[in-house]
PDB file of N, CA and C in Angstrom:
ATOM      1  N   MET A   1      -5.103  17.505  32.665  1.00  0.00           N
ATOM      2  CA  MET A   1      -4.764  17.151  31.298  1.00  0.00           C
ATOM      3  C   MET A   1      -4.632  15.628  31.204  1.00  0.00           C
ATOM      4  N   PRO A   2      -5.320  15.014  30.225  1.00  0.00           N
ATOM      5  CA  PRO A   2      -5.248  13.556  30.119  1.00  0.00           C
ATOM      6  C   PRO A   2      -3.859  13.090  29.683  1.00  0.00           C
ATOM      7  N   LYS A   3      -3.521  11.890  30.150  1.00  0.00           N
ATOM      8  CA  LYS A   3      -2.231  11.318  29.795  1.00  0.00           C
ATOM      9  C   LYS A   3      -2.436  10.353  28.614  1.00  0.00           C
ATOM     10  N   TYR A   4      -1.703  10.575  27.544  1.00  0.00           N
ATOM     11  CA  TYR A   4      -1.817   9.747  26.351  1.00  0.00           C
ATOM     12  C   TYR A   4      -0.625   8.815  26.272  1.00  0.00           C
ATOM     13  N   ASN A   5      -0.881   7.584  25.841  1.00  0.00           N
ATOM     14  CA  ASN A   5       0.214   6.641  25.679  1.00  0.00           C
ATOM     15  C   ASN A   5       0.531   6.454  24.198  1.00  0.00           C
ATOM     16  N   ARG A   6       1.516   5.619  23.925  1.00  0.00           N
ATOM     17  CA  ARG A   6       1.960   5.412  22.548  1.00  0.00           C
ATOM     18  C   ARG A   6       0.878   4.733  21.705  1.00  0.00           C
ATOM     19  N   ASP A   7       0.061   3.880  22.296  1.00  0.00           N
ATOM     20  CA  ASP A   7      -1.019   3.221  21.555  1.00  0.00           C
ATOM     21  C   ASP A   7      -2.022   4.234  21.005  1.00  0.00           C
ATOM     22  N   TYR A   8      -2.299   5.252  21.808  1.00  0.00           N
ATOM     23  CA  TYR A   8      -3.240   6.294  21.390  1.00  0.00           C
ATOM     24  C   TYR A   8      -2.726   6.999  20.138  1.00  0.00           C
ATOM     25  N   PHE A   9      -1.456   7.390  20.165  1.00  0.00           N
ATOM     26  CA  PHE A   9      -0.883   8.088  19.020  1.00  0.00           C
ATOM     27  C   PHE A   9      -0.724   7.152  17.822  1.00  0.00           C
ATOM     28  N   ALA A  10      -0.435   5.875  18.078  1.00  0.00           N
ATOM     29  CA  ALA A  10      -0.341   4.897  16.991  1.00  0.00           C
ATOM     30  C   ALA A  10      -1.696   4.728  16.312  1.00  0.00           C
ATOM     31  N   ASP A  11      -2.764   4.705  17.091  1.00  0.00           N
ATOM     32  CA  ASP A  11      -4.110   4.576  16.522  1.00  0.00           C
ATOM     33  C   ASP A  11      -4.482   5.794  15.680  1.00  0.00           C
ATOM     34  N   ILE A  12      -4.130   6.970  16.164  1.00  0.00           N
ATOM     35  CA  ILE A  12      -4.429   8.193  15.408  1.00  0.00           C
ATOM     36  C   ILE A  12      -3.619   8.226  14.115  1.00  0.00           C
ATOM     37  N   ALA A  13      -2.331   7.909  14.186  1.00  0.00           N
ATOM     38  CA  ALA A  13      -1.492   7.891  12.989  1.00  0.00           C
ATOM     39  C   ALA A  13      -1.993   6.851  11.997  1.00  0.00           C
ATOM     40  N   TYR A  14      -2.391   5.694  12.494  1.00  0.00           N
ATOM     41  CA  TYR A  14      -2.926   4.623  11.652  1.00  0.00           C
ATOM     42  C   TYR A  14      -4.167   5.098  10.906  1.00  0.00           C
ATOM     43  N   PHE A  15      -5.072   5.763  11.604  1.00  0.00           N
ATOM     44  CA  PHE A  15      -6.286   6.279  10.979  1.00  0.00           C
ATOM     45  C   PHE A  15      -5.960   7.322   9.922  1.00  0.00           C
ATOM     46  N   ILE A  16      -5.078   8.264  10.238  1.00  0.00           N
ATOM     47  CA  ILE A  16      -4.745   9.343   9.304  1.00  0.00           C
ATOM     48  C   ILE A  16      -4.070   8.780   8.050  1.00  0.00           C
ATOM     49  N   ILE A  17      -3.108   7.878   8.233  1.00  0.00           N
ATOM     50  CA  ILE A  17      -2.396   7.303   7.090  1.00  0.00           C
ATOM     51  C   ILE A  17      -3.358   6.539   6.194  1.00  0.00           C
ATOM     52  N   ASN A  18      -4.248   5.758   6.776  1.00  0.00           N
ATOM     53  CA  ASN A  18      -5.185   4.994   5.965  1.00  0.00           C
ATOM     54  C   ASN A  18      -6.250   5.867   5.317  1.00  0.00           C
ATOM     55  N   PHE A  19      -6.638   6.940   5.977  1.00  0.00           N
ATOM     56  CA  PHE A  19      -7.569   7.886   5.369  1.00  0.00           C
ATOM     57  C   PHE A  19      -6.930   8.532   4.147  1.00  0.00           C
ATOM     58  N   ILE A  20      -5.668   8.922   4.273  1.00  0.00           N
ATOM     59  CA  ILE A  20      -4.952   9.505   3.134  1.00  0.00           C
ATOM     60  C   ILE A  20      -4.806   8.476   2.019  1.00  0.00           C
ATOM     61  N   ALA A  21      -4.547   7.215   2.379  1.00  0.00           N
ATOM     62  CA  ALA A  21      -4.416   6.155   1.367  1.00  0.00           C
ATOM     63  C   ALA A  21      -5.715   5.997   0.578  1.00  0.00           C
ATOM     64  N   VAL A  22      -6.841   6.054   1.259  1.00  0.00           N
ATOM     65  CA  VAL A  22      -8.133   5.957   0.571  1.00  0.00           C
ATOM     66  C   VAL A  22      -8.323   7.159  -0.353  1.00  0.00           C
ATOM     67  N   LEU A  23      -7.947   8.345   0.117  1.00  0.00           N
ATOM     68  CA  LEU A  23      -8.054   9.542  -0.726  1.00  0.00           C
ATOM     69  C   LEU A  23      -7.158   9.426  -1.955  1.00  0.00           C
ATOM     70  N   VAL A  24      -5.961   8.858  -1.792  1.00  0.00           N
ATOM     71  CA  VAL A  24      -5.057   8.664  -2.928  1.00  0.00           C
ATOM     72  C   VAL A  24      -5.707   7.713  -3.935  1.00  0.00           C
ATOM     73  N   GLY A  25      -6.281   6.619  -3.454  1.00  0.00           N
ATOM     74  CA  GLY A  25      -6.961   5.685  -4.352  1.00  0.00           C
ATOM     75  C   GLY A  25      -8.110   6.332  -5.095  1.00  0.00           C
ATOM     76  N   ILE A  26      -8.903   7.125  -4.397  1.00  0.00           N
ATOM     77  CA  ILE A  26     -10.015   7.834  -5.031  1.00  0.00           C
ATOM     78  C   ILE A  26      -9.486   8.847  -6.040  1.00  0.00           C
ATOM     79  N   GLY A  27      -8.385   9.518  -5.693  1.00  0.00           N
ATOM     80  CA  GLY A  27      -7.780  10.491  -6.605  1.00  0.00           C
ATOM     81  C   GLY A  27      -7.268   9.839  -7.882  1.00  0.00           C
ATOM     82  N   ILE A  28      -6.621   8.686  -7.755  1.00  0.00           N
ATOM     83  CA  ILE A  28      -6.123   7.974  -8.940  1.00  0.00           C
ATOM     84  C   ILE A  28      -7.288   7.549  -9.820  1.00  0.00           C
ATOM     85  N   LEU A  29      -8.304   6.966  -9.208  1.00  0.00           N
ATOM     86  CA  LEU A  29      -9.483   6.552  -9.971  1.00  0.00           C
ATOM     87  C   LEU A  29     -10.174   7.763 -10.604  1.00  0.00           C
ATOM     88  N   GLY A  30     -10.241   8.865  -9.877  1.00  0.00           N
ATOM     89  CA  GLY A  30     -10.835  10.092 -10.418  1.00  0.00           C
ATOM     90  C   GLY A  30     -10.067  10.609 -11.618  1.00  0.00           C
ATOM     91  N   TRP A  31      -8.731  10.549 -11.548  1.00  0.00           N
ATOM     92  CA  TRP A  31      -7.923  10.983 -12.682  1.00  0.00           C
ATOM     93  C   TRP A  31      -8.156  10.070 -13.883  1.00  0.00           C
ATOM     94  N   GLN A  32      -8.266   8.756 -13.635  1.00  0.00           N
ATOM     95  CA  GLN A  32      -8.525   7.824 -14.736  1.00  0.00           C
ATOM     96  C   GLN A  32      -9.873   8.115 -15.400  1.00  0.00           C
ATOM     97  N   VAL A  33     -10.884   8.397 -14.605  1.00  0.00           N
ATOM     98  CA  VAL A  33     -12.207   8.725 -15.155  1.00  0.00           C
ATOM     99  C   VAL A  33     -12.135  10.029 -15.941  1.00  0.00           C
ATOM    100  N   TYR A  34     -11.464  11.034 -15.384  1.00  0.00           N
ATOM    101  CA  TYR A  34     -11.293  12.320 -16.083  1.00  0.00           C
ATOM    102  C   TYR A  34     -10.595  12.108 -17.426  1.00  0.00           C
ATOM    103  N   TYR A  35      -9.518  11.327 -17.413  1.00  0.00           N
ATOM    104  CA  TYR A  35      -8.763  11.067 -18.637  1.00  0.00           C
ATOM    105  C   TYR A  35      -9.644  10.340 -19.659  1.00  0.00           C
ATOM    106  N   TRP A  36     -10.444   9.390 -19.197  1.00  0.00           N
ATOM    107  CA  TRP A  36     -11.330   8.655 -20.094  1.00  0.00           C
ATOM    108  C   TRP A  36     -12.404   9.575 -20.667  1.00  0.00           C
ATOM    109  N   LEU A  37     -12.990  10.417 -19.822  1.00  0.00           N
ATOM    110  CA  LEU A  37     -14.018  11.337 -20.306  1.00  0.00           C
ATOM    111  C   LEU A  37     -13.462  12.312 -21.333  1.00  0.00           C
ATOM    112  N   LYS A  38     -12.218  12.744 -21.119  1.00  0.00           N
ATOM    113  CA  LYS A  38     -11.599  13.718 -22.020  1.00  0.00           C
ATOM    114  C   LYS A  38     -11.127  13.080 -23.320  1.00  0.00           C
ATOM    115  N   ASN A  39     -10.488  11.900 -23.245  1.00  0.00           N
ATOM    116  CA  ASN A  39      -9.841  11.310 -24.409  1.00  0.00           C
ATOM    117  C   ASN A  39     -10.555  10.081 -24.966  1.00  0.00           C
ATOM    118  N   GLY A  40     -11.463   9.489 -24.211  1.00  0.00           N
ATOM    119  CA  GLY A  40     -12.165   8.310 -24.672  1.00  0.00           C
ATOM    120  C   GLY A  40     -11.341   7.038 -24.607  1.00  0.00           C
ATOM    121  N   VAL A  41     -10.193   7.094 -23.924  1.00  0.00           N
ATOM    122  CA  VAL A  41      -9.313   5.929 -23.789  1.00  0.00           C
ATOM    123  C   VAL A  41      -9.037   5.739 -22.303  1.00  0.00           C
ATOM    124  N   TRP A  42      -9.246   4.502 -21.815  1.00  0.00           N
ATOM    125  CA  TRP A  42      -8.999   4.217 -20.409  1.00  0.00           C
ATOM    126  C   TRP A  42      -7.503   4.107 -20.152  1.00  0.00           C
ATOM    127  N   ALA A  43      -6.995   4.858 -19.194  1.00  0.00           N
ATOM    128  CA  ALA A  43      -5.581   4.818 -18.825  1.00  0.00           C
ATOM    129  C   ALA A  43      -5.379   3.662 -17.847  1.00  0.00           C
ATOM    130  N   ASN A  44      -4.815   2.568 -18.332  1.00  0.00           N
ATOM    131  CA  ASN A  44      -4.564   1.406 -17.486  1.00  0.00           C
ATOM    132  C   ASN A  44      -3.348   1.693 -16.611  1.00  0.00           C
ATOM    133  N   LEU A  45      -3.554   1.764 -15.311  1.00  0.00           N
ATOM    134  CA  LEU A  45      -2.468   2.050 -14.372  1.00  0.00           C
ATOM    135  C   LEU A  45      -2.312   0.879 -13.408  1.00  0.00           C
ATOM    136  N   PRO A  46      -1.436  -0.078 -13.739  1.00  0.00           N
ATOM    137  CA  PRO A  46      -1.223  -1.202 -12.822  1.00  0.00           C
ATOM    138  C   PRO A  46      -0.328  -0.807 -11.653  1.00  0.00           C
ATOM    139  N   LEU A  47      -0.377  -1.590 -10.608  1.00  0.00           N
ATOM    140  CA  LEU A  47       0.438  -1.348  -9.411  1.00  0.00           C
ATOM    141  C   LEU A  47       1.928  -1.356  -9.739  1.00  0.00           C
ATOM    142  N   ALA A  48       2.319  -2.101 -10.768  1.00  0.00           N
ATOM    143  CA  ALA A  48       3.725  -2.170 -11.170  1.00  0.00           C
ATOM    144  C   ALA A  48       4.291  -0.789 -11.486  1.00  0.00           C
ATOM    145  N   LEU A  49       3.458   0.136 -11.946  1.00  0.00           N
ATOM    146  CA  LEU A  49       3.933   1.486 -12.255  1.00  0.00           C
ATOM    147  C   LEU A  49       4.519   2.183 -11.028  1.00  0.00           C
ATOM    148  N   ALA A  50       3.915   1.975  -9.875  1.00  0.00           N
ATOM    149  CA  ALA A  50       4.418   2.600  -8.653  1.00  0.00           C
ATOM    150  C   ALA A  50       5.801   2.064  -8.312  1.00  0.00           C
ATOM    151  N   PHE A  51       5.995   0.749  -8.458  1.00  0.00           N
ATOM    152  CA  PHE A  51       7.297   0.161  -8.162  1.00  0.00           C
ATOM    153  C   PHE A  51       8.348   0.596  -9.184  1.00  0.00           C
ATOM    154  N   GLU A  52       7.967   0.662 -10.454  1.00  0.00           N
ATOM    155  CA  GLU A  52       8.893   1.120 -11.486  1.00  0.00           C
ATOM    156  C   GLU A  52       9.272   2.581 -11.272  1.00  0.00           C
ATOM    157  N   TYR A  53       8.324   3.391 -10.812  1.00  0.00           N
ATOM    158  CA  TYR A  53       8.596   4.805 -10.550  1.00  0.00           C
ATOM    159  C   TYR A  53       9.700   4.964  -9.511  1.00  0.00           C
ATOM    160  N   PHE A  54       9.696   4.082  -8.507  1.00  0.00           N
ATOM    161  CA  PHE A  54      10.700   4.161  -7.453  1.00  0.00           C
ATOM    162  C   PHE A  54      11.957   3.348  -7.768  1.00  0.00           C
ATOM    163  N   GLY A  55      12.083   2.883  -9.010  1.00  0.00           N
ATOM    164  CA  GLY A  55      13.314   2.266  -9.464  1.00  0.00           C
ATOM    165  C   GLY A  55      13.462   0.775  -9.226  1.00  0.00           C
ATOM    166  N   PHE A  56      12.381   0.093  -8.901  1.00  0.00           N
ATOM    167  CA  PHE A  56      12.464  -1.353  -8.705  1.00  0.00           C
ATOM    168  C   PHE A  56      12.550  -2.053 -10.059  1.00  0.00           C
ATOM    169  N   ASN A  57      13.416  -3.043 -10.154  1.00  0.00           N
ATOM    170  CA  ASN A  57      13.554  -3.840 -11.366  1.00  0.00           C
ATOM    171  C   ASN A  57      12.561  -5.004 -11.287  1.00  0.00           C
ATOM    172  N   LEU A  58      11.556  -4.982 -12.134  1.00  0.00           N
ATOM    173  CA  LEU A  58      10.513  -6.005 -12.101  1.00  0.00           C
ATOM    174  C   LEU A  58      10.718  -7.087 -13.155  1.00  0.00           C
ATOM    175  N   ASN A  59      11.824  -7.037 -13.894  1.00  0.00           N
ATOM    176  CA  ASN A  59      12.083  -8.056 -14.911  1.00  0.00           C
ATOM    177  C   ASN A  59      12.111  -9.473 -14.344  1.00  0.00           C
ATOM    178  N   PRO A  60      12.722  -9.722 -13.167  1.00  0.00           N
ATOM    179  CA  PRO A  60      12.709 -11.092 -12.640  1.00  0.00           C
ATOM    180  C   PRO A  60      11.304 -11.615 -12.340  1.00  0.00           C
ATOM    181  N   ILE A  61      10.361 -10.718 -12.134  1.00  0.00           N
ATOM    182  CA  ILE A  61       8.987 -11.155 -11.856  1.00  0.00           C
ATOM    183  C   ILE A  61       8.240 -11.444 -13.156  1.00  0.00           C
ATOM    184  N   PHE A  62       8.395 -10.559 -14.136  1.00  0.00           N
ATOM    185  CA  PHE A  62       7.661 -10.736 -15.382  1.00  0.00           C
ATOM    186  C   PHE A  62       8.362 -11.685 -16.354  1.00  0.00           C
ATOM    187  N   ASN A  63       9.666 -11.922 -16.167  1.00  0.00           N
ATOM    188  CA  ASN A  63      10.434 -12.863 -16.992  1.00  0.00           C
ATOM    189  C   ASN A  63      11.273 -13.746 -16.080  1.00  0.00           C
ATOM    190  N   PRO A  64      10.648 -14.666 -15.342  1.00  0.00           N
ATOM    191  CA  PRO A  64      11.392 -15.442 -14.344  1.00  0.00           C
ATOM    192  C   PRO A  64      12.272 -16.529 -14.971  1.00  0.00           C
ATOM    193  N   VAL A  65      13.366 -16.835 -14.258  1.00  0.00           N
ATOM    194  CA  VAL A  65      14.239 -17.937 -14.644  1.00  0.00           C
ATOM    195  C   VAL A  65      13.782 -19.211 -13.928  1.00  0.00           C
ATOM    196  N   ASP A  66      13.385 -19.068 -12.685  1.00  0.00           N
ATOM    197  CA  ASP A  66      12.830 -20.178 -11.918  1.00  0.00           C
ATOM    198  C   ASP A  66      11.743 -19.631 -10.996  1.00  0.00           C
ATOM    199  N   TRP A  67      11.170 -20.483 -10.173  1.00  0.00           N
ATOM    200  CA  TRP A  67      10.066 -20.100  -9.293  1.00  0.00           C
ATOM    201  C   TRP A  67       8.922 -19.472 -10.106  1.00  0.00           C
ATOM    202  N   HIS A  68       8.509 -20.152 -11.156  1.00  0.00           N
ATOM    203  CA  HIS A  68       7.504 -19.612 -12.076  1.00  0.00           C
ATOM    204  C   HIS A  68       6.143 -19.408 -11.423  1.00  0.00           C
ATOM    205  N   GLY A  69       5.760 -20.298 -10.524  1.00  0.00           N
ATOM    206  CA  GLY A  69       4.470 -20.140  -9.847  1.00  0.00           C
ATOM    207  C   GLY A  69       4.435 -18.891  -8.977  1.00  0.00           C
ATOM    208  N   LEU A  70       5.499 -18.681  -8.200  1.00  0.00           N
ATOM    209  CA  LEU A  70       5.585 -17.481  -7.360  1.00  0.00           C
ATOM    210  C   LEU A  70       5.623 -16.224  -8.223  1.00  0.00           C
ATOM    211  N   ALA A  71       6.327 -16.285  -9.347  1.00  0.00           N
ATOM    212  CA  ALA A  71       6.395 -15.139 -10.258  1.00  0.00           C
ATOM    213  C   ALA A  71       5.018 -14.829 -10.844  1.00  0.00           C
ATOM    214  N   LYS A  72       4.212 -15.867 -11.117  1.00  0.00           N
ATOM    215  CA  LYS A  72       2.864 -15.637 -11.637  1.00  0.00           C
ATOM    216  C   LYS A  72       1.979 -14.942 -10.605  1.00  0.00           C
ATOM    217  N   ILE A  73       2.121 -15.370  -9.349  1.00  0.00           N
ATOM    218  CA  ILE A  73       1.341 -14.715  -8.281  1.00  0.00           C
ATOM    219  C   ILE A  73       1.760 -13.254  -8.143  1.00  0.00           C
ATOM    220  N   ALA A  74       3.075 -13.001  -8.124  1.00  0.00           N
ATOM    221  CA  ALA A  74       3.576 -11.629  -7.992  1.00  0.00           C
ATOM    222  C   ALA A  74       3.161 -10.783  -9.192  1.00  0.00           C
ATOM    223  N   ALA A  75       3.230 -11.348 -10.391  1.00  0.00           N
ATOM    224  CA  ALA A  75       2.826 -10.611 -11.593  1.00  0.00           C
ATOM    225  C   ALA A  75       1.339 -10.282 -11.549  1.00  0.00           C
ATOM    226  N   TRP A  76       0.538 -11.241 -11.058  1.00  0.00           N
ATOM    227  CA  TRP A  76      -0.896 -10.987 -10.946  1.00  0.00           C
ATOM    228  C   TRP A  76      -1.153  -9.826  -9.975  1.00  0.00           C
ATOM    229  N   LEU A  77      -0.457  -9.833  -8.835  1.00  0.00           N
ATOM    230  CA  LEU A  77      -0.625  -8.750  -7.859  1.00  0.00           C
ATOM    231  C   LEU A  77      -0.158  -7.409  -8.430  1.00  0.00           C
ATOM    232  N   LEU A  78       0.954  -7.424  -9.169  1.00  0.00           N
ATOM    233  CA  LEU A  78       1.476  -6.182  -9.744  1.00  0.00           C
ATOM    234  C   LEU A  78       0.617  -5.653 -10.881  1.00  0.00           C
ATOM    235  N   ASN A  79      -0.209  -6.508 -11.462  1.00  0.00           N
ATOM    236  CA  ASN A  79      -1.115  -6.059 -12.517  1.00  0.00           C
ATOM    237  C   ASN A  79      -2.460  -5.585 -11.981  1.00  0.00           C
ATOM    238  N   CYS A  80      -2.651  -5.639 -10.666  1.00  0.00           N
ATOM    239  CA  CYS A  80      -3.875  -5.098 -10.062  1.00  0.00           C
ATOM    240  C   CYS A  80      -3.912  -3.584 -10.277  1.00  0.00           C
ATOM    241  N   PRO A  81      -5.100  -3.009 -10.325  1.00  0.00           N
ATOM    242  CA  PRO A  81      -5.196  -1.559 -10.533  1.00  0.00           C
ATOM    243  C   PRO A  81      -4.497  -0.773  -9.422  1.00  0.00           C
ATOM    244  N   LEU A  82      -3.790   0.265  -9.822  1.00  0.00           N
ATOM    245  CA  LEU A  82      -3.064   1.115  -8.882  1.00  0.00           C
ATOM    246  C   LEU A  82      -4.007   1.759  -7.871  1.00  0.00           C
ATOM    247  N   ALA A  83      -5.211   2.110  -8.300  1.00  0.00           N
ATOM    248  CA  ALA A  83      -6.180   2.763  -7.418  1.00  0.00           C
ATOM    249  C   ALA A  83      -6.598   1.866  -6.256  1.00  0.00           C
ATOM    250  N   MET A  84      -6.493   0.546  -6.421  1.00  0.00           N
ATOM    251  CA  MET A  84      -6.813  -0.378  -5.333  1.00  0.00           C
ATOM    252  C   MET A  84      -5.554  -0.907  -4.657  1.00  0.00           C
ATOM    253  N   GLY A  85      -4.536  -1.192  -5.448  1.00  0.00           N
ATOM    254  CA  GLY A  85      -3.327  -1.822  -4.929  1.00  0.00           C
ATOM    255  C   GLY A  85      -2.506  -0.931  -4.020  1.00  0.00           C
ATOM    256  N   LEU A  86      -2.363   0.346  -4.382  1.00  0.00           N
ATOM    257  CA  LEU A  86      -1.564   1.246  -3.563  1.00  0.00           C
ATOM    258  C   LEU A  86      -2.177   1.475  -2.181  1.00  0.00           C
ATOM    259  N   PRO A  87      -3.474   1.787  -2.077  1.00  0.00           N
ATOM    260  CA  PRO A  87      -4.062   1.887  -0.736  1.00  0.00           C
ATOM    261  C   PRO A  87      -3.975   0.584   0.049  1.00  0.00           C
ATOM    262  N   ALA A  88      -4.109  -0.555  -0.633  1.00  0.00           N
ATOM    263  CA  ALA A  88      -4.011  -1.845   0.059  1.00  0.00           C
ATOM    264  C   ALA A  88      -2.600  -2.063   0.615  1.00  0.00           C
ATOM    265  N   LEU A  89      -1.582  -1.716  -0.158  1.00  0.00           N
ATOM    266  CA  LEU A  89      -0.200  -1.843   0.326  1.00  0.00           C
ATOM    267  C   LEU A  89       0.071  -0.908   1.496  1.00  0.00           C
ATOM    268  N   ILE A  90      -0.435   0.311   1.399  1.00  0.00           N
ATOM    269  CA  ILE A  90      -0.249   1.275   2.494  1.00  0.00           C
ATOM    270  C   ILE A  90      -0.944   0.766   3.748  1.00  0.00           C
ATOM    271  N   TRP A  91      -2.161   0.228   3.594  1.00  0.00           N
ATOM    272  CA  TRP A  91      -2.878  -0.319   4.743  1.00  0.00           C
ATOM    273  C   TRP A  91      -2.108  -1.476   5.355  1.00  0.00           C
ATOM    274  N   LEU A  92      -1.615  -2.389   4.527  1.00  0.00           N
ATOM    275  CA  LEU A  92      -0.875  -3.550   5.020  1.00  0.00           C
ATOM    276  C   LEU A  92       0.378  -3.121   5.783  1.00  0.00           C
ATOM    277  N   PHE A  93       1.114  -2.166   5.233  1.00  0.00           N
ATOM    278  CA  PHE A  93       2.317  -1.680   5.894  1.00  0.00           C
ATOM    279  C   PHE A  93       1.983  -0.979   7.209  1.00  0.00           C
ATOM    280  N   SER A  94       0.974  -0.107   7.192  1.00  0.00           N
ATOM    281  CA  SER A  94       0.654   0.635   8.415  1.00  0.00           C
ATOM    282  C   SER A  94       0.085  -0.288   9.492  1.00  0.00           C
ATOM    283  N   ALA A  95      -0.688  -1.293   9.113  1.00  0.00           N
ATOM    284  CA  ALA A  95      -1.211  -2.246  10.098  1.00  0.00           C
ATOM    285  C   ALA A  95      -0.077  -3.058  10.718  1.00  0.00           C
ATOM    286  N   THR A  96       0.901  -3.433   9.903  1.00  0.00           N
ATOM    287  CA  THR A  96       2.057  -4.167  10.413  1.00  0.00           C
ATOM    288  C   THR A  96       2.846  -3.326  11.410  1.00  0.00           C
ATOM    289  N   VAL A  97       3.095  -2.076  11.060  1.00  0.00           N
ATOM    290  CA  VAL A  97       3.851  -1.181  11.952  1.00  0.00           C
ATOM    291  C   VAL A  97       3.075  -0.936  13.240  1.00  0.00           C
ATOM    292  N   LYS A  98       1.765  -0.739  13.132  1.00  0.00           N
ATOM    293  CA  LYS A  98       0.942  -0.498  14.322  1.00  0.00           C
ATOM    294  C   LYS A  98       1.000  -1.688  15.275  1.00  0.00           C
ATOM    295  N   GLU A  99       0.829  -2.888  14.739  1.00  0.00           N
ATOM    296  CA  GLU A  99       0.887  -4.081  15.594  1.00  0.00           C
ATOM    297  C   GLU A  99       2.279  -4.289  16.174  1.00  0.00           C
ATOM    298  N   TRP A 100       3.312  -3.986  15.396  1.00  0.00           N
ATOM    299  CA  TRP A 100       4.684  -4.093  15.898  1.00  0.00           C
ATOM    300  C   TRP A 100       4.902  -3.135  17.072  1.00  0.00           C
ATOM    301  N   LEU A 101       4.409  -1.904  16.938  1.00  0.00           N
ATOM    302  CA  LEU A 101       4.554  -0.928  18.029  1.00  0.00           C
ATOM    303  C   LEU A 101       3.822  -1.397  19.280  1.00  0.00           C
ATOM    304  N   LYS A 102       2.623  -1.933  19.108  1.00  0.00           N
ATOM    305  CA  LYS A 102       1.866  -2.412  20.262  1.00  0.00           C
ATOM    306  C   LYS A 102       2.561  -3.597  20.919  1.00  0.00           C
ATOM    307  N   THR A 103       3.125  -4.496  20.122  1.00  0.00           N
ATOM    308  CA  THR A 103       3.857  -5.642  20.664  1.00  0.00           C
ATOM    309  C   THR A 103       5.099  -5.182  21.414  1.00  0.00           C
ATOM    310  N   GLU A 104       5.803  -4.202  20.853  1.00  0.00           N
ATOM    311  CA  GLU A 104       6.995  -3.666  21.523  1.00  0.00           C
ATOM    312  C   GLU A 104       6.627  -3.051  22.870  1.00  0.00           C
ATOM    313  N   ASP A 105       5.510  -2.323  22.907  1.00  0.00           N
ATOM    314  CA  ASP A 105       5.059  -1.722  24.167  1.00  0.00           C
ATOM    315  C   ASP A 105       4.733  -2.792  25.199  1.00  0.00           C
ATOM    316  N   LYS A 106       4.045  -3.849  24.786  1.00  0.00           N
ATOM    317  CA  LYS A 106       3.683  -4.923  25.721  1.00  0.00           C
ATOM    318  C   LYS A 106       4.933  -5.627  26.245  1.00  0.00           C
ATOM    319  N   ASN A 107       5.896  -5.875  25.354  1.00  0.00           N
ATOM    320  CA  ASN A 107       7.132  -6.517  25.776  1.00  0.00           C
ATOM    321  C   ASN A 107       7.938  -5.614  26.703  1.00  0.00           C
ATOM    322  N   LYS A 108       7.908  -4.325  26.438  1.00  0.00           N
ATOM    323  CA  LYS A 108       8.641  -3.372  27.262  1.00  0.00           C
ATOM    324  C   LYS A 108       8.020  -3.302  28.654  1.00  0.00           C
ATOM    325  N   ASN A 109       6.696  -3.339  28.716  1.00  0.00           N
ATOM    326  CA  ASN A 109       6.012  -3.280  30.029  1.00  0.00           C
ATOM    327  C   ASN A 109       6.213  -4.553  30.816  1.00  0.00           C
ATOM    328  N   LYS A 110       6.367  -5.706  30.164  1.00  0.00           N
ATOM    329  CA  LYS A 110       6.620  -6.961  30.858  1.00  0.00           C
ATOM    330  C   LYS A 110       7.995  -6.966  31.508  1.00  0.00           C
ATOM    331  N   ASP A 111       8.967  -6.354  30.849  1.00  0.00           N
ATOM    332  CA  ASP A 111      10.332  -6.343  31.344  1.00  0.00           C
ATOM    333  C   ASP A 111      10.515  -5.447  32.554  1.00  0.00           C
ATOM    334  N   THR A 112       9.669  -4.442  32.706  1.00  0.00           N
ATOM    335  CA  THR A 112       9.841  -3.506  33.830  1.00  0.00           C
ATOM    336  C   THR A 112       9.044  -3.905  35.034  1.00  0.00           C
TER     337      THR A 112
END
C-alpha cells in the first residue's frame, strides 16, 4: 500500500475545492442567463452581495471617511461579477492555505 503524505492530500483537496468553485461560478452565470431568458432583465449580481449575505458591513467601503483611494479599489473589486469574483476568492484562499500547509511541513521536517 502506498504511503501518502500531507502534500498529497493538500493537492487533492486544493483541486476539489477549486473545481467546486468553478462549478459555482458556472452555476451563478447559468442562473443569470436563465433569469435573463425568462424575464428579459439581466440580474446584476456583484461580489458585494456575498459579503452582505454573510453580514459584513460594507458602508465604510462604499461611503469612506478617509482612505478614499483604498476604498475605491475595494469598491471596484466588490462590484466585480459574483460569477467571477467568488471563484477567484475561493481560489486565492485555498492557494494560500495550501502553500501555508506546505511551508509548515517543510519547517516541521527541518526541526526534526
